[in-house]
C-alpha cells in the first residue's frame, strides 16, 4: 500500500524546510497507514494519545516497531513539540533529566556538575 501523495505533501508542508529532515521515510515505507493516521489527526490531544499508544504499550505480546522506525517516531514527536503541535511533557521534581536543556543537548553541549 502506497501512501496518498496528498498526505506526503501535507506532512512536508507541516514540517517546513527547517524540519523536512525529520520526515519519517521508513514509517512511510513500512507502515503507511500509521503515517496517514498521524497526518489526519485533528488536534494535539488526539495526536498525543496516538503517539503514546504507538510508543508505549499496555498490551503484552507486541513486538513494537523496528529501531529505525521508532527513532523516526521519536524525532517526529520532538519536532511536533518544537512546532507546538504537541505539548511539552511536564517537568517533575526529581527528574533525572532536568539538567538537560533541549537546545544545549541538541547542540552537543555537556554540563559538568
PDB file of N, CA and C in Angstrom:
ATOM      1  N   UNK A   1       0.844  -1.188   0.000  1.00  0.00           N
ATOM      2  CA  UNK A   1       0.000   0.000   0.000  1.00  0.00           C
ATOM      3  C   UNK A   1       0.882   1.242   0.000  1.00  0.00           C
ATOM      4  N   UNK A   2       0.691   2.075  -0.966  1.00  0.00           N
ATOM      5  CA  UNK A   2       1.437   3.330  -1.062  1.00  0.00           C
ATOM      6  C   UNK A   2       0.675   4.429  -0.346  1.00  0.00           C
ATOM      7  N   UNK A   3       1.418   5.371   0.167  1.00  0.00           N
ATOM      8  CA  UNK A   3       0.794   6.485   0.867  1.00  0.00           C
ATOM      9  C   UNK A   3       0.182   7.457  -0.146  1.00  0.00           C
ATOM     10  N   UNK A   4      -0.894   8.063   0.228  1.00  0.00           N
ATOM     11  CA  UNK A   4      -1.550   9.069  -0.603  1.00  0.00           C
ATOM     12  C   UNK A   4      -0.577  10.243  -0.767  1.00  0.00           C
ATOM     13  N   UNK A   5      -0.288  10.661  -1.994  1.00  0.00           N
ATOM     14  CA  UNK A   5       0.643  11.777  -2.206  1.00  0.00           C
ATOM     15  C   UNK A   5       0.237  13.053  -1.474  1.00  0.00           C
ATOM     16  N   UNK A   6      -1.056  13.241  -1.260  1.00  0.00           N
ATOM     17  CA  UNK A   6      -1.511  14.427  -0.524  1.00  0.00           C
ATOM     18  C   UNK A   6      -1.045  14.386   0.927  1.00  0.00           C
ATOM     19  N   UNK A   7      -1.012  13.184   1.494  1.00  0.00           N
ATOM     20  CA  UNK A   7      -0.537  13.027   2.871  1.00  0.00           C
ATOM     21  C   UNK A   7       0.944  13.376   2.935  1.00  0.00           C
ATOM     22  N   UNK A   8       1.700  12.872   1.970  1.00  0.00           N
ATOM     23  CA  UNK A   8       3.140  13.162   1.903  1.00  0.00           C
ATOM     24  C   UNK A   8       3.364  14.678   1.831  1.00  0.00           C
ATOM     25  N   UNK A   9       2.657  15.334   0.940  1.00  0.00           N
ATOM     26  CA  UNK A   9       2.786  16.783   0.768  1.00  0.00           C
ATOM     27  C   UNK A   9       2.372  17.536   2.033  1.00  0.00           C
ATOM     28  N   UNK A  10       1.283  17.089   2.662  1.00  0.00           N
ATOM     29  CA  UNK A  10       0.791  17.745   3.879  1.00  0.00           C
ATOM     30  C   UNK A  10       1.822  17.640   5.004  1.00  0.00           C
ATOM     31  N   UNK A  11       2.418  16.455   5.139  1.00  0.00           N
ATOM     32  CA  UNK A  11       3.429  16.271   6.185  1.00  0.00           C
ATOM     33  C   UNK A  11       4.654  17.147   5.928  1.00  0.00           C
ATOM     34  N   UNK A  12       5.121  17.199   4.687  1.00  0.00           N
ATOM     35  CA  UNK A  12       6.275  18.041   4.367  1.00  0.00           C
ATOM     36  C   UNK A  12       5.960  19.514   4.588  1.00  0.00           C
ATOM     37  N   UNK A  13       4.754  19.936   4.240  1.00  0.00           N
ATOM     38  CA  UNK A  13       4.355  21.328   4.463  1.00  0.00           C
ATOM     39  C   UNK A  13       4.298  21.635   5.955  1.00  0.00           C
ATOM     40  N   UNK A  14       3.798  20.706   6.733  1.00  0.00           N
ATOM     41  CA  UNK A  14       3.714  20.891   8.178  1.00  0.00           C
ATOM     42  C   UNK A  14       5.107  21.008   8.795  1.00  0.00           C
ATOM     43  N   UNK A  15       6.022  20.152   8.362  1.00  0.00           N
ATOM     44  CA  UNK A  15       7.386  20.166   8.896  1.00  0.00           C
ATOM     45  C   UNK A  15       8.160  21.396   8.422  1.00  0.00           C
ATOM     46  N   UNK A  16       7.845  21.858   7.219  1.00  0.00           N
ATOM     47  CA  UNK A  16       8.539  23.016   6.670  1.00  0.00           C
ATOM     48  C   UNK A  16       9.994  22.697   6.350  1.00  0.00           C
ATOM     49  N   UNK A  17      10.675  23.625   5.713  1.00  0.00           N
ATOM     50  CA  UNK A  17      12.060  23.384   5.320  1.00  0.00           C
ATOM     51  C   UNK A  17      12.991  23.139   6.509  1.00  0.00           C
ATOM     52  N   UNK A  18      12.706  23.773   7.624  1.00  0.00           N
ATOM     53  CA  UNK A  18      13.587  23.627   8.794  1.00  0.00           C
ATOM     54  C   UNK A  18      13.580  22.217   9.357  1.00  0.00           C
ATOM     55  N   UNK A  19      12.474  21.502   9.216  1.00  0.00           N
ATOM     56  CA  UNK A  19      12.364  20.171   9.809  1.00  0.00           C
ATOM     57  C   UNK A  19      12.054  19.083   8.786  1.00  0.00           C
ATOM     58  N   UNK A  20      12.235  19.383   7.509  1.00  0.00           N
ATOM     59  CA  UNK A  20      11.972  18.384   6.467  1.00  0.00           C
ATOM     60  C   UNK A  20      12.808  17.126   6.669  1.00  0.00           C
ATOM     61  N   UNK A  21      13.976  17.279   7.295  1.00  0.00           N
ATOM     62  CA  UNK A  21      14.839  16.120   7.561  1.00  0.00           C
ATOM     63  C   UNK A  21      14.176  15.099   8.487  1.00  0.00           C
ATOM     64  N   UNK A  22      13.170  15.525   9.233  1.00  0.00           N
ATOM     65  CA  UNK A  22      12.501  14.629  10.179  1.00  0.00           C
ATOM     66  C   UNK A  22      11.342  13.867   9.539  1.00  0.00           C
ATOM     67  N   UNK A  23      11.153  14.033   8.237  1.00  0.00           N
ATOM     68  CA  UNK A  23      10.074  13.295   7.582  1.00  0.00           C
ATOM     69  C   UNK A  23      10.341  11.794   7.742  1.00  0.00           C
ATOM     70  N   UNK A  24       9.369  11.033   8.243  1.00  0.00           N
ATOM     71  CA  UNK A  24       9.579   9.607   8.553  1.00  0.00           C
ATOM     72  C   UNK A  24       9.493   8.692   7.323  1.00  0.00           C
ATOM     73  N   UNK A  25      10.593   8.580   6.596  1.00  0.00           N
ATOM     74  CA  UNK A  25      10.625   7.794   5.353  1.00  0.00           C
ATOM     75  C   UNK A  25      10.388   6.306   5.587  1.00  0.00           C
ATOM     76  N   UNK A  26      11.021   5.753   6.623  1.00  0.00           N
ATOM     77  CA  UNK A  26      10.840   4.322   6.918  1.00  0.00           C
ATOM     78  C   UNK A  26       9.404   4.041   7.359  1.00  0.00           C
ATOM     79  N   UNK A  27       8.847   4.936   8.148  1.00  0.00           N
ATOM     80  CA  UNK A  27       7.459   4.789   8.575  1.00  0.00           C
ATOM     81  C   UNK A  27       6.550   4.800   7.350  1.00  0.00           C
ATOM     82  N   UNK A  28       6.820   5.701   6.416  1.00  0.00           N
ATOM     83  CA  UNK A  28       6.021   5.767   5.197  1.00  0.00           C
ATOM     84  C   UNK A  28       6.125   4.466   4.408  1.00  0.00           C
ATOM     85  N   UNK A  29       7.319   3.910   4.300  1.00  0.00           N
ATOM     86  CA  UNK A  29       7.529   2.694   3.512  1.00  0.00           C
ATOM     87  C   UNK A  29       6.920   1.464   4.173  1.00  0.00           C
ATOM     88  N   UNK A  30       7.141   1.325   5.484  1.00  0.00           N
ATOM     89  CA  UNK A  30       6.742   0.094   6.166  1.00  0.00           C
ATOM     90  C   UNK A  30       5.363   0.152   6.808  1.00  0.00           C
ATOM     91  N   UNK A  31       4.937   1.340   7.218  1.00  0.00           N
ATOM     92  CA  UNK A  31       3.669   1.491   7.927  1.00  0.00           C
ATOM     93  C   UNK A  31       2.915   2.719   7.407  1.00  0.00           C
ATOM     94  N   UNK A  32       2.573   2.737   6.128  1.00  0.00           N
ATOM     95  CA  UNK A  32       1.914   3.927   5.566  1.00  0.00           C
ATOM     96  C   UNK A  32       0.595   4.258   6.256  1.00  0.00           C
ATOM     97  N   UNK A  33      -0.117   3.241   6.731  1.00  0.00           N
ATOM     98  CA  UNK A  33      -1.396   3.500   7.415  1.00  0.00           C
ATOM     99  C   UNK A  33      -1.180   4.291   8.709  1.00  0.00           C
ATOM    100  N   UNK A  34      -0.055   4.071   9.372  1.00  0.00           N
ATOM    101  CA  UNK A  34       0.246   4.807  10.608  1.00  0.00           C
ATOM    102  C   UNK A  34       0.549   6.265  10.268  1.00  0.00           C
ATOM    103  N   UNK A  35       1.346   6.489   9.231  1.00  0.00           N
ATOM    104  CA  UNK A  35       1.672   7.860   8.837  1.00  0.00           C
ATOM    105  C   UNK A  35       0.424   8.605   8.381  1.00  0.00           C
ATOM    106  N   UNK A  36      -0.456   7.936   7.663  1.00  0.00           N
ATOM    107  CA  UNK A  36      -1.699   8.581   7.243  1.00  0.00           C
ATOM    108  C   UNK A  36      -2.547   8.962   8.454  1.00  0.00           C
ATOM    109  N   UNK A  37      -2.587   8.106   9.445  1.00  0.00           N
ATOM    110  CA  UNK A  37      -3.349   8.417  10.661  1.00  0.00           C
ATOM    111  C   UNK A  37      -2.744   9.638  11.361  1.00  0.00           C
ATOM    112  N   UNK A  38      -1.413   9.676  11.466  1.00  0.00           N
ATOM    113  CA  UNK A  38      -0.748  10.820  12.100  1.00  0.00           C
ATOM    114  C   UNK A  38      -1.099  12.103  11.343  1.00  0.00           C
ATOM    115  N   UNK A  39      -1.024  12.055  10.034  1.00  0.00           N
ATOM    116  CA  UNK A  39      -1.287  13.239   9.210  1.00  0.00           C
ATOM    117  C   UNK A  39      -2.730  13.713   9.319  1.00  0.00           C
ATOM    118  N   UNK A  40      -3.635  12.810   9.645  1.00  0.00           N
ATOM    119  CA  UNK A  40      -5.055  13.164   9.683  1.00  0.00           C
ATOM    120  C   UNK A  40      -5.606  13.416  11.078  1.00  0.00           C
ATOM    121  N   UNK A  41      -4.760  13.371  12.091  1.00  0.00           N
ATOM    122  CA  UNK A  41      -5.256  13.620  13.446  1.00  0.00           C
ATOM    123  C   UNK A  41      -5.666  15.080  13.574  1.00  0.00           C
ATOM    124  N   UNK A  42      -6.849  15.317  14.126  1.00  0.00           N
ATOM    125  CA  UNK A  42      -7.412  16.665  14.107  1.00  0.00           C
ATOM    126  C   UNK A  42      -6.858  17.632  15.150  1.00  0.00           C
ATOM    127  N   UNK A  43      -6.334  17.130  16.267  1.00  0.00           N
ATOM    128  CA  UNK A  43      -5.886  18.062  17.304  1.00  0.00           C
ATOM    129  C   UNK A  43      -4.774  17.448  18.147  1.00  0.00           C
ATOM    130  N   UNK A  44      -4.160  18.281  18.966  1.00  0.00           N
ATOM    131  CA  UNK A  44      -2.995  17.837  19.740  1.00  0.00           C
ATOM    132  C   UNK A  44      -3.350  16.784  20.786  1.00  0.00           C
ATOM    133  N   UNK A  45      -4.557  16.822  21.320  1.00  0.00           N
ATOM    134  CA  UNK A  45      -4.940  15.829  22.332  1.00  0.00           C
ATOM    135  C   UNK A  45      -4.982  14.432  21.710  1.00  0.00           C
ATOM    136  N   UNK A  46      -5.652  14.320  20.575  1.00  0.00           N
ATOM    137  CA  UNK A  46      -5.721  13.016  19.901  1.00  0.00           C
ATOM    138  C   UNK A  46      -4.354  12.595  19.385  1.00  0.00           C
ATOM    139  N   UNK A  47      -3.571  13.556  18.917  1.00  0.00           N
ATOM    140  CA  UNK A  47      -2.236  13.277  18.418  1.00  0.00           C
ATOM    141  C   UNK A  47      -1.350  12.741  19.543  1.00  0.00           C
ATOM    142  N   UNK A  48      -1.410  13.383  20.689  1.00  0.00           N
ATOM    143  CA  UNK A  48      -0.602  12.958  21.830  1.00  0.00           C
ATOM    144  C   UNK A  48      -0.983  11.537  22.255  1.00  0.00           C
ATOM    145  N   UNK A  49      -2.284  11.251  22.313  1.00  0.00           N
ATOM    146  CA  UNK A  49      -2.744   9.898  22.667  1.00  0.00           C
ATOM    147  C   UNK A  49      -2.249   8.866  21.658  1.00  0.00           C
ATOM    148  N   UNK A  50      -2.331   9.197  20.385  1.00  0.00           N
ATOM    149  CA  UNK A  50      -1.918   8.257  19.348  1.00  0.00           C
ATOM    150  C   UNK A  50      -0.416   7.987  19.422  1.00  0.00           C
ATOM    151  N   UNK A  51       0.389   9.035  19.570  1.00  0.00           N
ATOM    152  CA  UNK A  51       1.833   8.843  19.708  1.00  0.00           C
ATOM    153  C   UNK A  51       2.162   8.009  20.947  1.00  0.00           C
ATOM    154  N   UNK A  52       1.441   8.260  22.025  1.00  0.00           N
ATOM    155  CA  UNK A  52       1.653   7.475  23.241  1.00  0.00           C
ATOM    156  C   UNK A  52       1.312   6.006  22.998  1.00  0.00           C
ATOM    157  N   UNK A  53       0.206   5.759  22.323  1.00  0.00           N
ATOM    158  CA  UNK A  53      -0.179   4.380  22.009  1.00  0.00           C
ATOM    159  C   UNK A  53       0.853   3.701  21.105  1.00  0.00           C
ATOM    160  N   UNK A  54       1.462   4.472  20.203  1.00  0.00           N
ATOM    161  CA  UNK A  54       2.463   3.907  19.303  1.00  0.00           C
ATOM    162  C   UNK A  54       3.779   3.583  20.015  1.00  0.00           C
ATOM    163  N   UNK A  55       4.155   4.423  20.961  1.00  0.00           N
ATOM    164  CA  UNK A  55       5.477   4.279  21.571  1.00  0.00           C
ATOM    165  C   UNK A  55       5.473   3.534  22.902  1.00  0.00           C
ATOM    166  N   UNK A  56       4.338   3.476  23.566  1.00  0.00           N
ATOM    167  CA  UNK A  56       4.221   2.761  24.837  1.00  0.00           C
ATOM    168  C   UNK A  56       3.066   1.781  24.721  1.00  0.00           C
ATOM    169  N   UNK A  57       3.274   0.587  25.156  1.00  0.00           N
ATOM    170  CA  UNK A  57       2.188  -0.377  25.050  1.00  0.00           C
ATOM    171  C   UNK A  57       1.778  -0.881  26.433  1.00  0.00           C
ATOM    172  N   UNK A  58       0.515  -1.109  26.571  1.00  0.00           N
ATOM    173  CA  UNK A  58      -0.028  -1.696  27.793  1.00  0.00           C
ATOM    174  C   UNK A  58      -0.367  -3.161  27.555  1.00  0.00           C
ATOM    175  N   UNK A  59      -0.239  -3.589  26.303  1.00  0.00           N
ATOM    176  CA  UNK A  59      -0.596  -4.961  25.949  1.00  0.00           C
ATOM    177  C   UNK A  59       0.665  -5.806  25.819  1.00  0.00           C
ATOM    178  N   UNK A  60       0.606  -7.014  26.334  1.00  0.00           N
ATOM    179  CA  UNK A  60       1.754  -7.903  26.207  1.00  0.00           C
ATOM    180  C   UNK A  60       1.728  -8.598  24.849  1.00  0.00           C
ATOM    181  N   UNK A  61       2.869  -9.108  24.442  1.00  0.00           N
ATOM    182  CA  UNK A  61       2.951  -9.853  23.208  1.00  0.00           C
ATOM    183  C   UNK A  61       3.138  -9.014  21.960  1.00  0.00           C
ATOM    184  N   UNK A  62       3.291  -7.725  22.121  1.00  0.00           N
ATOM    185  CA  UNK A  62       3.510  -6.871  20.944  1.00  0.00           C
ATOM    186  C   UNK A  62       5.000  -6.751  20.683  1.00  0.00           C
ATOM    187  N   UNK A  63       5.367  -6.777  19.414  1.00  0.00           N
ATOM    188  CA  UNK A  63       6.774  -6.672  19.035  1.00  0.00           C
ATOM    189  C   UNK A  63       7.274  -5.239  19.041  1.00  0.00           C
ATOM    190  N   UNK A  64       6.454  -4.329  18.684  1.00  0.00           N
ATOM    191  CA  UNK A  64       6.888  -2.948  18.557  1.00  0.00           C
ATOM    192  C   UNK A  64       7.463  -2.686  17.176  1.00  0.00           C
ATOM    193  N   UNK A  65       7.902  -1.472  16.971  1.00  0.00           N
ATOM    194  CA  UNK A  65       8.455  -1.065  15.686  1.00  0.00           C
ATOM    195  C   UNK A  65       9.934  -1.405  15.610  1.00  0.00           C
ATOM    196  N   UNK A  66      10.451  -1.567  14.400  1.00  0.00           N
ATOM    197  CA  UNK A  66      11.906  -1.683  14.244  1.00  0.00           C
ATOM    198  C   UNK A  66      12.576  -0.419  14.793  1.00  0.00           C
ATOM    199  N   UNK A  67      13.806  -0.527  15.204  1.00  0.00           N
ATOM    200  CA  UNK A  67      14.534   0.583  15.829  1.00  0.00           C
ATOM    201  C   UNK A  67      14.509   1.839  14.955  1.00  0.00           C
ATOM    202  N   UNK A  68      14.718   1.671  13.658  1.00  0.00           N
ATOM    203  CA  UNK A  68      14.759   2.832  12.762  1.00  0.00           C
ATOM    204  C   UNK A  68      13.417   3.564  12.740  1.00  0.00           C
ATOM    205  N   UNK A  69      12.342   2.823  12.709  1.00  0.00           N
ATOM    206  CA  UNK A  69      11.005   3.423  12.672  1.00  0.00           C
ATOM    207  C   UNK A  69      10.697   4.091  14.011  1.00  0.00           C
ATOM    208  N   UNK A  70      11.057   3.429  15.099  1.00  0.00           N
ATOM    209  CA  UNK A  70      10.840   4.017  16.420  1.00  0.00           C
ATOM    210  C   UNK A  70      11.620   5.329  16.548  1.00  0.00           C
ATOM    211  N   UNK A  71      12.839   5.346  16.038  1.00  0.00           N
ATOM    212  CA  UNK A  71      13.638   6.572  16.051  1.00  0.00           C
ATOM    213  C   UNK A  71      12.980   7.690  15.264  1.00  0.00           C
ATOM    214  N   UNK A  72      12.400   7.345  14.114  1.00  0.00           N
ATOM    215  CA  UNK A  72      11.683   8.348  13.328  1.00  0.00           C
ATOM    216  C   UNK A  72      10.476   8.882  14.091  1.00  0.00           C
ATOM    217  N   UNK A  73       9.771   8.014  14.780  1.00  0.00           N
ATOM    218  CA  UNK A  73       8.623   8.462  15.575  1.00  0.00           C
ATOM    219  C   UNK A  73       9.073   9.417  16.676  1.00  0.00           C
ATOM    220  N   UNK A  74      10.164   9.081  17.346  1.00  0.00           N
ATOM    221  CA  UNK A  74      10.675   9.946  18.408  1.00  0.00           C
ATOM    222  C   UNK A  74      11.103  11.299  17.850  1.00  0.00           C
ATOM    223  N   UNK A  75      11.762  11.287  16.690  1.00  0.00           N
ATOM    224  CA  UNK A  75      12.167  12.549  16.054  1.00  0.00           C
ATOM    225  C   UNK A  75      10.943  13.369  15.662  1.00  0.00           C
ATOM    226  N   UNK A  76       9.922  12.714  15.146  1.00  0.00           N
ATOM    227  CA  UNK A  76       8.697  13.406  14.752  1.00  0.00           C
ATOM    228  C   UNK A  76       8.001  14.010  15.969  1.00  0.00           C
ATOM    229  N   UNK A  77       7.954  13.284  17.056  1.00  0.00           N
ATOM    230  CA  UNK A  77       7.367  13.811  18.292  1.00  0.00           C
ATOM    231  C   UNK A  77       8.131  15.050  18.741  1.00  0.00           C
ATOM    232  N   UNK A  78       9.447  14.987  18.698  1.00  0.00           N
ATOM    233  CA  UNK A  78      10.280  16.130  19.095  1.00  0.00           C
ATOM    234  C   UNK A  78       9.998  17.354  18.222  1.00  0.00           C
ATOM    235  N   UNK A  79       9.916  17.151  16.927  1.00  0.00           N
ATOM    236  CA  UNK A  79       9.634  18.262  16.012  1.00  0.00           C
ATOM    237  C   UNK A  79       8.222  18.797  16.254  1.00  0.00           C
ATOM    238  N   UNK A  80       7.267  17.924  16.441  1.00  0.00           N
ATOM    239  CA  UNK A  80       5.898  18.378  16.720  1.00  0.00           C
ATOM    240  C   UNK A  80       5.860  19.234  17.985  1.00  0.00           C
ATOM    241  N   UNK A  81       6.675  18.892  18.971  1.00  0.00           N
ATOM    242  CA  UNK A  81       6.724  19.713  20.193  1.00  0.00           C
ATOM    243  C   UNK A  81       7.339  21.072  19.888  1.00  0.00           C
ATOM    244  N   UNK A  82       8.386  21.092  19.078  1.00  0.00           N
ATOM    245  CA  UNK A  82       9.009  22.373  18.716  1.00  0.00           C
ATOM    246  C   UNK A  82       8.049  23.250  17.924  1.00  0.00           C
ATOM    247  N   UNK A  83       7.203  22.628  17.124  1.00  0.00           N
ATOM    248  CA  UNK A  83       6.220  23.365  16.335  1.00  0.00           C
ATOM    249  C   UNK A  83       4.944  23.654  17.126  1.00  0.00           C
ATOM    250  N   UNK A  84       4.922  23.248  18.389  1.00  0.00           N
ATOM    251  CA  UNK A  84       3.787  23.443  19.297  1.00  0.00           C
ATOM    252  C   UNK A  84       2.529  22.716  18.825  1.00  0.00           C
ATOM    253  N   UNK A  85       2.729  21.603  18.137  1.00  0.00           N
ATOM    254  CA  UNK A  85       1.608  20.747  17.754  1.00  0.00           C
ATOM    255  C   UNK A  85       1.318  19.732  18.845  1.00  0.00           C
ATOM    256  N   UNK A  86       2.300  19.511  19.696  1.00  0.00           N
ATOM    257  CA  UNK A  86       2.158  18.654  20.875  1.00  0.00           C
ATOM    258  C   UNK A  86       2.673  19.433  22.072  1.00  0.00           C
ATOM    259  N   UNK A  87       2.055  19.254  23.231  1.00  0.00           N
ATOM    260  CA  UNK A  87       2.563  19.954  24.414  1.00  0.00           C
ATOM    261  C   UNK A  87       3.850  19.300  24.914  1.00  0.00           C
ATOM    262  N   UNK A  88       4.670  20.106  25.552  1.00  0.00           N
ATOM    263  CA  UNK A  88       5.875  19.577  26.196  1.00  0.00           C
ATOM    264  C   UNK A  88       5.442  18.754  27.400  1.00  0.00           C
ATOM    265  N   UNK A  89       6.137  17.660  27.678  1.00  0.00           N
ATOM    266  CA  UNK A  89       5.799  16.907  28.886  1.00  0.00           C
ATOM    267  C   UNK A  89       6.155  17.738  30.119  1.00  0.00           C
ATOM    268  N   UNK A  90       5.366  17.640  31.163  1.00  0.00           N
ATOM    269  CA  UNK A  90       5.644  18.449  32.352  1.00  0.00           C
ATOM    270  C   UNK A  90       6.937  17.997  33.029  1.00  0.00           C
ATOM    271  N   UNK A  91       7.715  18.961  33.481  1.00  0.00           N
ATOM    272  CA  UNK A  91       8.929  18.661  34.262  1.00  0.00           C
ATOM    273  C   UNK A  91       8.482  18.342  35.685  1.00  0.00           C
ATOM    274  N   UNK A  92       9.139  17.378  36.276  1.00  0.00           N
ATOM    275  CA  UNK A  92       8.772  16.977  37.620  1.00  0.00           C
ATOM    276  C   UNK A  92       9.982  17.093  38.535  1.00  0.00           C
ATOM    277  N   UNK A  93       9.725  17.401  39.802  1.00  0.00           N
ATOM    278  CA  UNK A  93      10.803  17.422  40.778  1.00  0.00           C
ATOM    279  C   UNK A  93      11.454  16.055  40.819  1.00  0.00           C
ATOM    280  N   UNK A  94      12.765  16.047  40.879  1.00  0.00           N
ATOM    281  CA  UNK A  94      13.478  14.788  40.935  1.00  0.00           C
ATOM    282  C   UNK A  94      13.692  14.158  39.571  1.00  0.00           C
ATOM    283  N   UNK A  95      13.314  14.861  38.509  1.00  0.00           N
ATOM    284  CA  UNK A  95      13.511  14.346  37.162  1.00  0.00           C
ATOM    285  C   UNK A  95      15.011  14.292  36.887  1.00  0.00           C
ATOM    286  N   UNK A  96      15.528  13.108  36.608  1.00  0.00           N
ATOM    287  CA  UNK A  96      16.966  12.956  36.413  1.00  0.00           C
ATOM    288  C   UNK A  96      17.458  13.661  35.155  1.00  0.00           C
ATOM    289  N   UNK A  97      16.569  14.038  34.260  1.00  0.00           N
ATOM    290  CA  UNK A  97      16.961  14.729  33.035  1.00  0.00           C
ATOM    291  C   UNK A  97      16.723  16.231  33.122  1.00  0.00           C
ATOM    292  N   UNK A  98      16.354  16.753  34.279  1.00  0.00           N
ATOM    293  CA  UNK A  98      16.004  18.166  34.380  1.00  0.00           C
ATOM    294  C   UNK A  98      17.177  19.095  34.086  1.00  0.00           C
ATOM    295  N   UNK A  99      18.400  18.612  34.212  1.00  0.00           N
ATOM    296  CA  UNK A  99      19.576  19.444  33.944  1.00  0.00           C
ATOM    297  C   UNK A  99      19.831  19.626  32.454  1.00  0.00           C
ATOM    298  N   UNK A 100      19.165  18.828  31.623  1.00  0.00           N
ATOM    299  CA  UNK A 100      19.414  18.878  30.182  1.00  0.00           C
ATOM    300  C   UNK A 100      18.539  19.950  29.558  1.00  0.00           C
ATOM    301  N   UNK A 101      19.181  20.903  28.939  1.00  0.00           N
ATOM    302  CA  UNK A 101      18.425  21.881  28.159  1.00  0.00           C
ATOM    303  C   UNK A 101      18.309  21.319  26.757  1.00  0.00           C
ATOM    304  N   UNK A 102      17.105  21.319  26.233  1.00  0.00           N
ATOM    305  CA  UNK A 102      16.874  20.726  24.909  1.00  0.00           C
ATOM    306  C   UNK A 102      17.775  21.375  23.865  1.00  0.00           C
ATOM    307  N   UNK A 103      17.901  22.681  23.921  1.00  0.00           N
ATOM    308  CA  UNK A 103      18.721  23.381  22.930  1.00  0.00           C
ATOM    309  C   UNK A 103      20.185  23.006  23.100  1.00  0.00           C
ATOM    310  N   UNK A 104      20.660  23.012  24.341  1.00  0.00           N
ATOM    311  CA  UNK A 104      22.056  22.661  24.599  1.00  0.00           C
ATOM    312  C   UNK A 104      22.359  21.221  24.249  1.00  0.00           C
ATOM    313  N   UNK A 105      21.433  20.338  24.530  1.00  0.00           N
ATOM    314  CA  UNK A 105      21.636  18.920  24.234  1.00  0.00           C
ATOM    315  C   UNK A 105      21.748  18.703  22.731  1.00  0.00           C
ATOM    316  N   UNK A 106      20.867  19.340  21.967  1.00  0.00           N
ATOM    317  CA  UNK A 106      20.908  19.187  20.519  1.00  0.00           C
ATOM    318  C   UNK A 106      22.175  19.786  19.939  1.00  0.00           C
ATOM    319  N   UNK A 107      22.712  20.815  20.576  1.00  0.00           N
ATOM    320  CA  UNK A 107      23.936  21.434  20.089  1.00  0.00           C
ATOM    321  C   UNK A 107      25.170  20.661  20.526  1.00  0.00           C
ATOM    322  N   UNK A 108      24.969  19.625  21.336  1.00  0.00           N
ATOM    323  CA  UNK A 108      26.087  18.786  21.760  1.00  0.00           C
ATOM    324  C   UNK A 108      26.786  19.288  23.011  1.00  0.00           C
ATOM    325  N   UNK A 109      26.175  20.223  23.726  1.00  0.00           N
ATOM    326  CA  UNK A 109      26.784  20.727  24.944  1.00  0.00           C
ATOM    327  C   UNK A 109      26.639  19.713  26.066  1.00  0.00           C
ATOM    328  N   UNK A 110      27.578  19.705  26.970  1.00  0.00           N
ATOM    329  CA  UNK A 110      27.529  18.853  28.148  1.00  0.00           C
ATOM    330  C   UNK A 110      27.670  19.747  29.376  1.00  0.00           C
ATOM    331  N   UNK A 111      26.973  19.395  30.435  1.00  0.00           N
ATOM    332  CA  UNK A 111      27.052  20.134  31.694  1.00  0.00           C
ATOM    333  C   UNK A 111      27.764  19.254  32.703  1.00  0.00           C
ATOM    334  N   UNK A 112      28.835  19.769  33.261  1.00  0.00           N
ATOM    335  CA  UNK A 112      29.543  19.029  34.313  1.00  0.00           C
ATOM    336  C   UNK A 112      29.253  19.692  35.635  1.00  0.00           C
ATOM    337  N   UNK A 113      28.801  18.906  36.559  1.00  0.00           N
ATOM    338  CA  UNK A 113      28.477  19.459  37.880  1.00  0.00           C
ATOM    339  C   UNK A 113      29.347  18.789  38.903  1.00  0.00           C
TER     340      UNK A 113
END
